[in-house]
Amino acid sequence: MQRLERAAIFVAQLYRLSATSPHSWRRAASVGRDVGLHGAPLEQVLDDAERAGLLHRRTDDRDLVLLTAQGRAVAGGR
C-alpha cells in the first residue's frame, strides 16, 4: 500500500468516526488500529496528512487528531 493510499484510508476513517462530532479530538492509534495502521506507517500517515492540511495534531498530545475543514471537505467529497 502506498503512502497516499494509507493517508486517504486513515482520513476517511477519521471522517466516519467524527461524523456526529467533527470538532472532537480522536486517538490516532485507535483510528489507525481500525484500518490496520500502527507504528512507523501510522506516524508517516499522520505527518503526511498534517502537512497536506487535512488534520491537526494536538501539540500537548500528538496522538490526538482532528480533521481540518479541508480534511472534512476532501473526505466528504466536497
N, C-alpha and C. Protein backbone atom coordinates (compact mmCIF):
# COMPACT_ATOMS: atom_id res chain seq x y z
N MET A 1 0.85 -1.18 0.00
CA MET A 1 0.00 0.00 0.00
C MET A 1 0.90 1.24 0.00
N GLN A 2 0.58 2.20 -0.83
CA GLN A 2 1.37 3.42 -0.96
C GLN A 2 0.98 4.46 0.10
N ARG A 3 1.87 5.42 0.31
CA ARG A 3 1.64 6.44 1.34
C ARG A 3 0.34 7.19 1.13
N LEU A 4 0.06 7.61 -0.09
CA LEU A 4 -1.16 8.37 -0.37
C LEU A 4 -2.40 7.54 -0.07
N GLU A 5 -2.36 6.29 -0.45
CA GLU A 5 -3.50 5.39 -0.19
C GLU A 5 -3.71 5.21 1.31
N ARG A 6 -2.63 5.00 2.06
CA ARG A 6 -2.74 4.85 3.52
C ARG A 6 -3.32 6.12 4.15
N ALA A 7 -2.84 7.28 3.70
CA ALA A 7 -3.34 8.54 4.25
C ALA A 7 -4.83 8.72 3.94
N ALA A 8 -5.23 8.38 2.72
CA ALA A 8 -6.64 8.51 2.33
C ALA A 8 -7.52 7.60 3.17
N ILE A 9 -7.07 6.38 3.40
CA ILE A 9 -7.83 5.43 4.21
C ILE A 9 -7.97 5.93 5.65
N PHE A 10 -6.88 6.46 6.20
CA PHE A 10 -6.91 6.97 7.57
C PHE A 10 -7.87 8.17 7.67
N VAL A 11 -7.74 9.12 6.75
CA VAL A 11 -8.58 10.32 6.77
C VAL A 11 -10.05 9.94 6.60
N ALA A 12 -10.34 9.00 5.73
CA ALA A 12 -11.73 8.55 5.54
C ALA A 12 -12.29 7.93 6.82
N GLN A 13 -11.49 7.13 7.50
CA GLN A 13 -11.95 6.52 8.76
C GLN A 13 -12.15 7.59 9.84
N LEU A 14 -11.23 8.53 9.93
CA LEU A 14 -11.37 9.61 10.90
C LEU A 14 -12.63 10.42 10.60
N TYR A 15 -12.92 10.64 9.34
CA TYR A 15 -14.13 11.35 8.93
C TYR A 15 -15.38 10.59 9.39
N ARG A 16 -15.40 9.28 9.14
CA ARG A 16 -16.56 8.46 9.57
C ARG A 16 -16.74 8.52 11.08
N LEU A 17 -15.65 8.40 11.81
CA LEU A 17 -15.74 8.41 13.27
C LEU A 17 -16.13 9.78 13.82
N SER A 18 -15.85 10.83 13.06
CA SER A 18 -16.11 12.20 13.51
C SER A 18 -17.41 12.77 12.98
N ALA A 19 -18.19 11.99 12.28
CA ALA A 19 -19.39 12.50 11.60
C ALA A 19 -20.34 13.23 12.54
N THR A 20 -20.56 12.69 13.73
CA THR A 20 -21.52 13.32 14.65
C THR A 20 -20.89 14.40 15.53
N SER A 21 -19.57 14.40 15.63
CA SER A 21 -18.88 15.42 16.43
C SER A 21 -17.54 15.77 15.77
N PRO A 22 -17.60 16.55 14.68
CA PRO A 22 -16.41 16.83 13.89
C PRO A 22 -15.33 17.65 14.61
N HIS A 23 -15.67 18.26 15.73
CA HIS A 23 -14.68 19.07 16.45
C HIS A 23 -14.14 18.38 17.70
N SER A 24 -14.35 17.08 17.78
CA SER A 24 -13.83 16.29 18.90
C SER A 24 -12.52 15.64 18.50
N TRP A 25 -11.56 15.67 19.41
CA TRP A 25 -10.27 15.03 19.17
C TRP A 25 -10.43 13.52 19.25
N ARG A 26 -9.71 12.81 18.41
CA ARG A 26 -9.71 11.34 18.38
C ARG A 26 -8.29 10.82 18.57
N ARG A 27 -8.18 9.65 19.14
CA ARG A 27 -6.87 9.00 19.29
C ARG A 27 -6.43 8.42 17.95
N ALA A 28 -5.30 8.90 17.46
CA ALA A 28 -4.78 8.41 16.18
C ALA A 28 -4.52 6.91 16.23
N ALA A 29 -4.02 6.43 17.35
CA ALA A 29 -3.73 4.99 17.47
C ALA A 29 -5.00 4.16 17.31
N SER A 30 -6.11 4.66 17.84
CA SER A 30 -7.38 3.94 17.73
C SER A 30 -7.89 3.95 16.29
N VAL A 31 -7.82 5.11 15.65
CA VAL A 31 -8.24 5.21 14.25
C VAL A 31 -7.35 4.32 13.39
N GLY A 32 -6.05 4.38 13.64
CA GLY A 32 -5.10 3.55 12.90
C GLY A 32 -5.37 2.07 13.07
N ARG A 33 -5.69 1.68 14.29
CA ARG A 33 -5.99 0.27 14.57
C ARG A 33 -7.19 -0.19 13.73
N ASP A 34 -8.19 0.68 13.59
CA ASP A 34 -9.38 0.35 12.80
C ASP A 34 -9.03 0.01 11.35
N VAL A 35 -7.97 0.62 10.83
CA VAL A 35 -7.63 0.43 9.41
C VAL A 35 -6.30 -0.31 9.23
N GLY A 36 -5.80 -0.91 10.31
CA GLY A 36 -4.60 -1.74 10.22
C GLY A 36 -3.29 -0.98 10.16
N LEU A 37 -3.25 0.23 10.71
CA LEU A 37 -2.02 1.02 10.72
C LEU A 37 -1.52 1.19 12.15
N HIS A 38 -0.22 1.04 12.33
CA HIS A 38 0.39 1.29 13.64
C HIS A 38 1.88 1.51 13.43
N GLY A 39 2.54 2.00 14.44
CA GLY A 39 3.98 2.21 14.38
C GLY A 39 4.40 3.23 13.34
N ALA A 40 5.51 2.96 12.66
CA ALA A 40 6.08 3.90 11.69
C ALA A 40 5.12 4.23 10.54
N PRO A 41 4.40 3.26 9.97
CA PRO A 41 3.45 3.63 8.90
C PRO A 41 2.37 4.60 9.38
N LEU A 42 1.88 4.43 10.60
CA LEU A 42 0.89 5.36 11.14
C LEU A 42 1.50 6.74 11.32
N GLU A 43 2.70 6.81 11.86
CA GLU A 43 3.37 8.11 12.03
C GLU A 43 3.55 8.80 10.69
N GLN A 44 3.91 8.04 9.66
CA GLN A 44 4.09 8.62 8.32
C GLN A 44 2.77 9.17 7.80
N VAL A 45 1.68 8.42 7.99
CA VAL A 45 0.35 8.88 7.58
C VAL A 45 0.00 10.18 8.29
N LEU A 46 0.23 10.23 9.58
CA LEU A 46 -0.10 11.43 10.35
C LEU A 46 0.71 12.62 9.87
N ASP A 47 1.99 12.42 9.64
CA ASP A 47 2.84 13.51 9.13
C ASP A 47 2.37 13.97 7.76
N ASP A 48 2.10 13.03 6.86
CA ASP A 48 1.65 13.37 5.51
C ASP A 48 0.33 14.13 5.53
N ALA A 49 -0.63 13.63 6.29
CA ALA A 49 -1.95 14.27 6.34
C ALA A 49 -1.88 15.64 7.00
N GLU A 50 -1.02 15.78 8.00
CA GLU A 50 -0.86 17.08 8.65
C GLU A 50 -0.22 18.08 7.68
N ARG A 51 0.82 17.65 6.99
CA ARG A 51 1.49 18.53 6.02
C ARG A 51 0.56 18.93 4.88
N ALA A 52 -0.36 18.05 4.52
CA ALA A 52 -1.32 18.34 3.45
C ALA A 52 -2.46 19.22 3.93
N GLY A 53 -2.51 19.51 5.23
CA GLY A 53 -3.55 20.36 5.78
C GLY A 53 -4.86 19.65 6.03
N LEU A 54 -4.82 18.31 6.12
CA LEU A 54 -6.05 17.55 6.30
C LEU A 54 -6.40 17.30 7.76
N LEU A 55 -5.41 17.37 8.63
CA LEU A 55 -5.69 17.16 10.05
C LEU A 55 -4.75 17.98 10.92
N HIS A 56 -5.19 18.19 12.14
CA HIS A 56 -4.37 18.84 13.17
C HIS A 56 -3.98 17.77 14.18
N ARG A 57 -2.78 17.92 14.75
CA ARG A 57 -2.36 17.08 15.87
C ARG A 57 -2.16 18.03 17.05
N ARG A 58 -2.67 17.64 18.21
CA ARG A 58 -2.50 18.49 19.39
C ARG A 58 -1.04 18.57 19.77
N THR A 59 -0.60 19.76 20.14
CA THR A 59 0.80 19.94 20.48
C THR A 59 1.15 19.28 21.80
N ASP A 60 0.20 19.19 22.72
CA ASP A 60 0.50 18.59 24.03
C ASP A 60 0.30 17.08 24.05
N ASP A 61 -0.32 16.53 23.01
CA ASP A 61 -0.52 15.08 22.90
C ASP A 61 -0.66 14.75 21.42
N ARG A 62 0.44 14.39 20.79
CA ARG A 62 0.48 14.20 19.33
C ARG A 62 -0.37 13.02 18.85
N ASP A 63 -0.88 12.20 19.77
CA ASP A 63 -1.76 11.10 19.37
C ASP A 63 -3.21 11.56 19.21
N LEU A 64 -3.52 12.78 19.60
CA LEU A 64 -4.87 13.30 19.42
C LEU A 64 -4.94 14.06 18.09
N VAL A 65 -5.91 13.67 17.26
CA VAL A 65 -6.04 14.26 15.93
C VAL A 65 -7.46 14.75 15.69
N LEU A 66 -7.56 15.69 14.77
CA LEU A 66 -8.83 16.33 14.43
C LEU A 66 -8.75 16.72 12.96
N LEU A 67 -9.77 16.41 12.18
CA LEU A 67 -9.77 16.83 10.78
C LEU A 67 -9.94 18.34 10.69
N THR A 68 -9.24 18.95 9.75
CA THR A 68 -9.42 20.36 9.45
C THR A 68 -10.67 20.49 8.58
N ALA A 69 -11.09 21.73 8.33
CA ALA A 69 -12.21 21.95 7.41
C ALA A 69 -11.87 21.37 6.04
N GLN A 70 -10.62 21.55 5.61
CA GLN A 70 -10.18 20.99 4.34
C GLN A 70 -10.23 19.46 4.36
N GLY A 71 -9.81 18.87 5.45
CA GLY A 71 -9.86 17.41 5.59
C GLY A 71 -11.28 16.88 5.53
N ARG A 72 -12.20 17.58 6.20
CA ARG A 72 -13.61 17.17 6.16
C ARG A 72 -14.17 17.30 4.74
N ALA A 73 -13.81 18.37 4.05
CA ALA A 73 -14.29 18.58 2.69
C ALA A 73 -13.77 17.51 1.74
N VAL A 74 -12.49 17.20 1.85
CA VAL A 74 -11.89 16.17 0.98
C VAL A 74 -12.51 14.81 1.27
N ALA A 75 -12.60 14.45 2.54
CA ALA A 75 -13.14 13.13 2.92
C ALA A 75 -14.63 13.03 2.60
N GLY A 76 -15.33 14.15 2.69
CA GLY A 76 -16.76 14.15 2.41
C GLY A 76 -17.10 14.31 0.94
N GLY A 77 -16.07 14.44 0.10
CA GLY A 77 -16.29 14.55 -1.34
C GLY A 77 -16.79 15.90 -1.79
N ARG A 78 -16.52 16.93 -0.99
CA ARG A 78 -16.97 18.29 -1.38
C ARG A 78 -15.87 19.06 -2.03
